[in-house]
Protein backbone atom coordinates (compact mmCIF):
# COMPACT_ATOMS: atom_id res chain seq x y z
CA MET A 1 119.90 150.41 56.22
CA LYS A 2 120.75 148.92 59.63
CA LYS A 3 124.32 147.75 60.08
CA ILE A 4 124.86 144.29 61.51
CA SER A 5 127.93 143.96 63.65
CA LEU A 6 130.35 141.06 63.63
CA PHE A 7 129.34 140.40 67.24
CA GLN A 8 125.66 139.98 66.22
CA ILE A 9 126.64 137.56 63.46
CA ILE A 10 128.76 135.48 65.85
CA VAL A 11 126.00 135.41 68.49
CA SER A 12 123.37 134.42 65.89
CA PHE A 13 125.59 131.66 64.51
CA SER A 14 126.37 130.41 68.03
CA LEU A 15 122.66 130.25 68.90
CA LEU A 16 122.01 128.31 65.69
CA VAL A 17 124.75 125.80 66.55
CA ILE A 18 123.39 125.42 70.10
CA ALA A 19 119.81 124.93 68.80
CA PHE A 20 120.96 122.25 66.33
CA SER A 21 122.99 120.50 69.06
CA VAL A 22 120.01 120.43 71.43
CA PHE A 23 117.75 119.14 68.62
CA TYR A 24 120.22 116.39 67.73
CA TYR A 25 120.67 115.37 71.37
CA LEU A 26 116.95 115.28 72.18
CA VAL A 27 115.57 113.89 68.93
CA ILE A 28 118.30 111.54 67.70
CA TYR A 29 120.94 110.76 70.34
CA ILE A 30 118.78 110.11 73.43
CA PRO A 31 116.12 108.00 71.61
CA GLN A 32 118.88 105.99 69.93
CA LYS A 33 120.69 105.43 73.22
CA GLU A 34 117.68 104.87 75.49
CA SER A 35 114.97 103.42 73.26
CA ASN A 36 117.02 100.47 72.07
CA LYS A 37 117.29 99.38 75.72
CA GLN A 38 113.57 99.80 76.42
CA THR A 39 111.94 99.08 73.06
CA ASP A 40 111.02 95.63 71.85
CA PHE A 41 111.89 95.41 68.14
CA SER A 42 110.82 91.76 67.85
CA LYS A 43 107.83 92.64 65.61
CA PHE A 44 110.23 94.43 63.25
CA SER A 45 113.25 92.12 63.37
CA GLY A 46 114.04 89.75 60.55
CA ALA A 47 114.22 89.94 56.77
CA TRP A 48 111.84 92.27 54.90
CA TRP A 49 111.76 92.23 51.11
CA ARG A 50 110.20 93.22 47.84
CA HIS A 51 111.43 92.54 44.33
CA GLY A 52 114.97 93.94 44.14
CA PHE A 53 115.05 95.24 47.73
CA ASN A 54 115.93 93.64 51.09
CA LEU A 55 116.00 95.04 54.62
CA VAL A 56 117.27 93.01 57.58
CA ILE A 57 116.63 94.38 61.07
CA ASP A 58 118.14 92.93 64.24
CA SER A 59 116.52 92.75 67.69
CA LYS A 60 118.10 96.09 68.70
CA GLY A 61 116.66 98.01 65.73
CA ASN A 62 119.79 98.08 63.57
CA GLY A 63 119.08 97.55 59.89
CA ILE A 64 120.94 96.97 56.64
CA ALA A 65 119.12 97.61 53.37
CA GLN A 66 120.33 96.34 49.99
CA TRP A 67 118.70 96.91 46.63
CA ARG A 68 119.21 96.51 42.92
CA ILE A 69 120.50 99.53 41.04
CA TYR A 70 119.66 97.95 37.64
CA LYS A 71 122.97 99.11 36.22
CA TRP A 72 125.64 96.46 35.65
CA CYS A 73 129.18 97.15 36.87
CA SER A 74 130.46 95.29 33.79
CA ILE A 75 128.91 97.98 31.57
CA ASP A 76 129.39 101.03 33.82
CA PRO A 77 131.63 100.43 36.86
CA THR A 78 130.74 103.82 38.40
CA PRO A 79 129.31 102.97 41.83
CA PRO A 80 126.75 102.10 42.82
CA CYS A 81 126.17 99.26 40.39
CA ASP A 82 125.05 95.62 40.44
CA SER A 83 127.47 92.78 39.81
CA ASP A 84 127.06 89.12 39.04
CA ASN A 85 129.15 86.13 40.01
CA LYS A 86 128.16 82.73 38.61
CA ASN A 87 124.58 83.92 37.99
CA ILE A 88 124.18 85.30 41.53
CA ILE A 89 123.34 89.00 41.49
CA LYS A 90 125.04 91.21 44.08
CA SER A 91 122.89 94.30 44.62
CA GLY A 92 124.75 97.60 44.42
CA GLY A 93 122.56 99.75 46.66
CA LYS A 94 123.31 99.72 50.38
CA ALA A 95 122.20 101.69 53.44
CA GLN A 96 122.59 101.43 57.19
CA ILE A 97 119.53 102.28 59.28
CA VAL A 98 119.11 102.66 63.05
CA PHE A 99 115.56 102.42 64.35
CA SER A 100 115.23 103.93 67.83
CA LEU A 101 111.56 104.41 68.67
CA ILE A 102 108.32 102.50 68.18
CA THR A 103 104.94 104.20 68.43
CA ASP A 104 101.60 102.68 67.40
CA GLY A 105 103.11 100.01 65.16
CA VAL A 106 105.57 102.37 63.47
CA ALA A 107 109.34 102.12 63.96
CA TYR A 108 111.09 105.47 63.55
CA GLY A 109 114.74 105.67 62.66
CA VAL A 110 117.53 107.33 60.74
CA VAL A 111 119.36 106.27 57.58
CA ILE A 112 122.92 106.93 58.74
CA SER A 113 124.67 105.91 55.51
CA SER A 114 123.63 105.22 51.93
CA ASN A 115 125.52 104.82 48.67
CA ASP A 116 122.42 105.63 46.58
CA LEU A 117 120.77 108.80 47.87
CA LYS A 118 118.20 108.67 45.05
CA THR A 119 116.64 105.56 46.59
CA LEU A 120 117.34 105.97 50.32
CA ASP A 121 118.66 109.32 51.46
CA LYS A 122 120.33 109.97 54.79
CA GLY A 123 117.76 111.11 57.34
CA ILE A 124 114.49 110.14 58.99
CA ILE A 125 112.75 106.90 57.94
CA GLN A 126 109.74 104.90 59.14
CA LEU A 127 108.70 101.27 58.95
CA LYS A 128 104.93 100.96 59.43
CA LEU A 129 103.48 97.52 60.17
CA LYS A 130 100.58 96.42 57.99
CA PRO A 131 98.32 93.35 58.08
CA TYR A 132 99.48 89.90 56.98
CA GLY A 133 103.13 90.30 57.96
CA MET A 134 103.71 93.26 55.67
CA ALA A 135 105.08 96.75 56.30
CA GLU A 136 105.54 100.04 54.48
CA LEU A 137 108.97 101.65 54.39
CA ILE A 138 108.52 105.43 54.22
CA GLN A 139 110.96 108.24 53.63
CA GLU A 140 110.35 111.57 51.91
CA GLY A 141 110.26 110.71 48.22
CA PHE A 142 110.31 106.93 48.83
CA GLU A 143 107.54 104.53 49.85
CA SER A 144 107.59 100.80 49.41
CA ASN A 145 105.53 97.84 50.59
CA LEU A 146 107.67 95.08 52.07
CA CYS A 147 106.85 91.50 52.94
CA GLY A 148 108.25 90.33 56.26
CA PRO A 149 109.36 87.09 57.84
CA GLN A 150 105.74 86.12 58.68
CA PHE A 151 104.16 87.00 55.32
CA ILE A 152 103.87 83.43 53.98
CA LYS A 153 102.43 82.24 57.30
CA LEU A 154 99.97 85.13 57.86
CA ALA A 155 98.83 86.23 54.41
CA PRO A 156 95.85 84.40 52.93
CA LYS A 157 96.41 82.66 49.60
CA SER A 158 94.36 85.39 47.86
CA ILE A 159 96.82 88.07 49.06
CA GLN A 160 99.89 85.96 48.25
CA GLU A 161 98.62 85.36 44.71
CA LYS A 162 98.55 89.15 44.09
CA SER A 163 102.34 89.26 44.71
CA PRO A 164 102.18 92.49 46.75
CA CYS A 165 105.98 92.48 47.08
CA GLY A 166 106.79 91.65 43.47
CA ALA A 167 107.96 88.51 41.77
């Protein structure tokens, strides 16, 4: 059995830290910093929705998602949970997303915070434009069709009648 020295362990760990730092800098930090200045998010900005889920993206690619948990705080106050005030439901799920790159009609970004990791986990996410003012939000383990700000204007009546984004 070959003995591994403490020096080899430290060097290996250091190389791993350096590799992760380079990856983060090249894949996340630079695109976030540079792409927002050079990328036009106008096709993605605005309010996107489906039944129980909303995503609002600004012109710089910053997004806030909110969704129903379908668990009332009045019954189980353990967060996240939905609340209600004078028959207005306040969704309990929340996430902050930063989109930094657009390629071929797909905005790529990172979920930087989420209070419901079962629905939207921290990490890479995509918003892929589809016909009729729709898009697909994609993350490992989560895919959802969303209707955008132009859906009512662009979608034919036959598509609207199918309620592709829920009731």
